[in-house]
């Protein structure tokens, strides 16, 4: 008979405190999605206090629901409460109501909500070992993923990541041919096209629904003359030679990233560059036991690993692969020069050349 473990009450109390915080965060996720989709945050923009009745009138919602939502948001610190009215502070406005802000966060909650809805399907895969393709997930995942990553691209892509590559910005300014593999809804492709009007961009993704959304986004941005999108996997895209190939937060999702690397090499110009943006991760598990790793391991469990396992080879690198594993994949795919060119708390940027 196993011995009864000795409980350290202080440690238990600390863990229960963490639990309350985590439960509150999890319970807040669907309310942020509600506030985003119903336009509640945007209707509070400007900083003036509003009553539940006033916000309900602005948004066409029922006052009783709005009042309860506002109280929860105030308890969460997302809005402020005083004297019977609620206010969205300017910092929270930037994060919750401004779509083009580099601090915009509702997409992250939309992504989490989609993961929660897909839990029964992933639970089945835990038992069967099968994969789950990207396109089989809840629809909110596709839009949420684009809205989750776009703020980081807004803040870093043109200002830091592309300039960190040797000689690439000069090519983009004078006119380069660029491929964006696994482009999803096309946020990264369109942002690059807007920043470098002399260049031409080719986005591809194996998920047809995402490519349809990307084409609509390109039309809305007015860049269709310089941007084209096609439905194609990382082993299938064509149109080379390209001066620059980009893969944003997608290499680890691929079933056969080594095969993808070989295909990228075949489509790259002799002096071309491959930029690989991946989630920030250390090479050892211990390096990733932190708040950022917590988020990415969750996404990897629910999304990235199942997607890779649904494809041929099914290498399943996971979202916390780390620079050492990623570099090994690139070298096996035929690239002889690989270096870390940039990083953020959330992203690792690698430059690969022949």
Foldseek 3Di string as FASTA:
>chain_A
DDDDDDDDVVVVVVVVVVVVVVVLVLVCLVLLLVCQVQVLLVLQPPWDWDALVRSCVVRVHDSVVSNVSQVSCCVVVQWPDDDRTIHGDPVSSLQRPDQLALNDDSLVSLLVVQLVVCVVVLVVCVVVVAFDAPVVTDPSNLVSVCSHCLSVCSVDVVPPQQVLDPPRVVCLQQEWEEEEAQCFLPSNVQVSCVVRVRYAYEYEEQDPVRQVNNVVVCVVSVRVVRYYYDNDHLLGDADAQGQEYEYAQPLLLALQSLSSLLSNQVRHDQNHKYKYKAWDAAQDPVRQPDPLSVSQQSCQSRPRQSNNSNDPNSPNCGRHNHDVNVVVSNVSSPFDDKDFRDADNTITMMMTHD
